Amino acid sequence: MNEVLLWLILLSTVLTVVLVFIVLVRSLRALQDAGREMRNELRMERAEAKDLREEISAGLKSANDTLSKTLESMGKLQKKTSLSS
């Protein structure tokens, strides 16, 4: 009876170790997949952020050009009015 009980304990221990190993392997794969997904998402977000930066840069350049032309035309107009006076 004692020997049978020892064999049952040994068998359950071996089974537990195997199951723990399987769970660890699956969790490592899940972590790798999660890491891969996170990297892909970050890569896409960086590309989107780059597009947004370029869009903002183009808008600021356009605003700067418009302001520069406006100031230039105002300067010319001021010279005309000061010369006419």
C-alpha atoms as a PDB file:
ATOM      1  CA  MET A   1       0.000   0.000   0.000  1.00  0.00           C
ATOM      2  CA  ASN A   2       2.815   2.360   0.908  1.00  0.00           C
ATOM      3  CA  GLU A   3       4.617   1.670  -2.351  1.00  0.00           C
ATOM      4  CA  VAL A   4       1.504   2.330  -4.432  1.00  0.00           C
ATOM      5  CA  LEU A   5       0.968   5.617  -2.647  1.00  0.00           C
ATOM      6  CA  LEU A   6       4.575   6.648  -3.334  1.00  0.00           C
ATOM      7  CA  TRP A   7       4.153   5.794  -7.033  1.00  0.00           C
ATOM      8  CA  LEU A   8       0.969   7.851  -7.191  1.00  0.00           C
ATOM      9  CA  ILE A   9       2.713  10.806  -5.560  1.00  0.00           C
ATOM     10  CA  LEU A  10       5.649  10.477  -7.983  1.00  0.00           C
ATOM     11  CA  LEU A  11       3.312  10.236 -10.967  1.00  0.00           C
ATOM     12  CA  SER A  12       1.315  13.279  -9.871  1.00  0.00           C
ATOM     13  CA  THR A  13       4.549  15.228  -9.304  1.00  0.00           C
ATOM     14  CA  VAL A  14       5.869  14.361 -12.769  1.00  0.00           C
ATOM     15  CA  LEU A  15       2.516  15.285 -14.299  1.00  0.00           C
ATOM     16  CA  THR A  16       2.541  18.608 -12.429  1.00  0.00           C
ATOM     17  CA  VAL A  17       6.069  19.402 -13.651  1.00  0.00           C
ATOM     18  CA  VAL A  18       5.105  18.610 -17.249  1.00  0.00           C
ATOM     19  CA  LEU A  19       1.981  20.781 -17.019  1.00  0.00           C
ATOM     20  CA  VAL A  20       3.945  23.668 -15.500  1.00  0.00           C
ATOM     21  CA  PHE A  21       6.473  23.378 -18.320  1.00  0.00           C
ATOM     22  CA  ILE A  22       3.690  23.483 -20.923  1.00  0.00           C
ATOM     23  CA  VAL A  23       2.139  26.543 -19.270  1.00  0.00           C
ATOM     24  CA  LEU A  24       5.513  28.313 -19.200  1.00  0.00           C
ATOM     25  CA  VAL A  25       6.152  27.612 -22.879  1.00  0.00           C
ATOM     26  CA  ARG A  26       2.702  28.897 -23.835  1.00  0.00           C
ATOM     27  CA  SER A  27       3.071  32.021 -21.718  1.00  0.00           C
ATOM     28  CA  LEU A  28       6.473  32.753 -23.270  1.00  0.00           C
ATOM     29  CA  ARG A  29       4.960  32.449 -26.747  1.00  0.00           C
ATOM     30  CA  ALA A  30       2.122  34.734 -25.706  1.00  0.00           C
ATOM     31  CA  LEU A  31       4.622  37.306 -24.408  1.00  0.00           C
ATOM     32  CA  GLN A  32       6.600  37.122 -27.645  1.00  0.00           C
ATOM     33  CA  ASP A  33       3.428  37.616 -29.672  1.00  0.00           C
ATOM     34  CA  ALA A  34       2.400  40.546 -27.481  1.00  0.00           C
ATOM     35  CA  GLY A  35       5.850  42.094 -27.894  1.00  0.00           C
ATOM     36  CA  ARG A  36       5.678  41.669 -31.654  1.00  0.00           C
ATOM     37  CA  GLU A  37       2.237  43.273 -31.776  1.00  0.00           C
ATOM     38  CA  MET A  38       3.428  46.148 -29.599  1.00  0.00           C
ATOM     39  CA  ARG A  39       6.430  46.778 -31.877  1.00  0.00           C
ATOM     40  CA  ASN A  40       4.204  46.765 -34.959  1.00  0.00           C
ATOM     41  CA  GLU A  41       1.768  49.169 -33.344  1.00  0.00           C
ATOM     42  CA  LEU A  42       4.573  51.507 -32.271  1.00  0.00           C
ATOM     43  CA  ARG A  43       6.016  51.384 -35.793  1.00  0.00           C
ATOM     44  CA  MET A  44       2.648  52.381 -37.265  1.00  0.00           C
ATOM     45  CA  GLU A  45       2.224  55.172 -34.682  1.00  0.00           C
ATOM     46  CA  ARG A  46       5.683  56.544 -35.496  1.00  0.00           C
ATOM     47  CA  ALA A  47       4.812  56.618 -39.193  1.00  0.00           C
ATOM     48  CA  GLU A  48       1.528  58.385 -38.433  1.00  0.00           C
ATOM     49  CA  ALA A  49       3.306  60.886 -36.172  1.00  0.00           C
ATOM     50  CA  LYS A  50       5.818  61.566 -38.948  1.00  0.00           C
ATOM     51  CA  ASP A  51       2.977  62.263 -41.384  1.00  0.00           C
ATOM     52  CA  LEU A  52       1.367  64.630 -38.880  1.00  0.00           C
ATOM     53  CA  ARG A  53       4.657  66.456 -38.300  1.00  0.00           C
ATOM     54  CA  GLU A  54       5.099  66.883 -42.046  1.00  0.00           C
ATOM     55  CA  GLU A  55       1.536  68.181 -42.358  1.00  0.00           C
ATOM     56  CA  ILE A  56       2.071  70.698 -39.546  1.00  0.00           C
ATOM     57  CA  SER A  57       5.392  71.740 -41.057  1.00  0.00           C
ATOM     58  CA  ALA A  58       3.761  72.362 -44.434  1.00  0.00           C
ATOM     59  CA  GLY A  59       0.996  74.399 -42.755  1.00  0.00           C
ATOM     60  CA  LEU A  60       3.508  76.514 -40.848  1.00  0.00           C
ATOM     61  CA  LYS A  61       5.547  77.099 -44.018  1.00  0.00           C
ATOM     62  CA  SER A  62       2.427  78.200 -45.840  1.00  0.00           C
ATOM     63  CA  ALA A  63       1.470  80.545 -43.007  1.00  0.00           C
ATOM     64  CA  ASN A  64       5.009  81.923 -42.895  1.00  0.00           C
ATOM     65  CA  ASP A  65       5.016  82.537 -46.656  1.00  0.00           C
ATOM     66  CA  THR A  66       1.647  84.273 -46.471  1.00  0.00           C
ATOM     67  CA  LEU A  67       2.816  86.472 -43.589  1.00  0.00           C
ATOM     68  CA  SER A  68       6.023  87.308 -45.418  1.00  0.00           C
ATOM     69  CA  LYS A  69       4.146  88.308 -48.591  1.00  0.00           C
ATOM     70  CA  THR A  70       1.657  90.362 -46.580  1.00  0.00           C
ATOM     71  CA  LEU A  71       4.414  92.229 -44.757  1.00  0.00           C
ATOM     72  CA  GLU A  72       6.267  92.787 -48.001  1.00  0.00           C
ATOM     73  CA  SER A  73       3.179  94.227 -49.693  1.00  0.00           C
ATOM     74  CA  MET A  74       2.467  96.381 -46.636  1.00  0.00           C
ATOM     75  CA  GLY A  75       6.034  97.671 -46.768  1.00  0.00           C
ATOM     76  CA  LYS A  76       5.698  98.538 -50.445  1.00  0.00           C
ATOM     77  CA  LEU A  77       2.391 100.261 -49.805  1.00  0.00           C
ATOM     78  CA  GLN A  78       3.904 102.223 -46.924  1.00  0.00           C
ATOM     79  CA  LYS A  79       6.815 103.339 -49.145  1.00  0.00           C
ATOM     80  CA  LYS A  80       4.362 104.475 -51.812  1.00  0.00           C
ATOM     81  CA  THR A  81       2.295 106.451 -49.327  1.00  0.00           C
ATOM     82  CA  SER A  82       5.360 108.008 -47.692  1.00  0.00           C
ATOM     83  CA  LEU A  83       6.789 108.988 -51.079  1.00  0.00           C
ATOM     84  CA  SER A  84       3.432 110.463 -52.156  1.00  0.00           C
ATOM     85  CA  SER A  85       3.240 112.600 -49.045  1.00  0.00           C
END
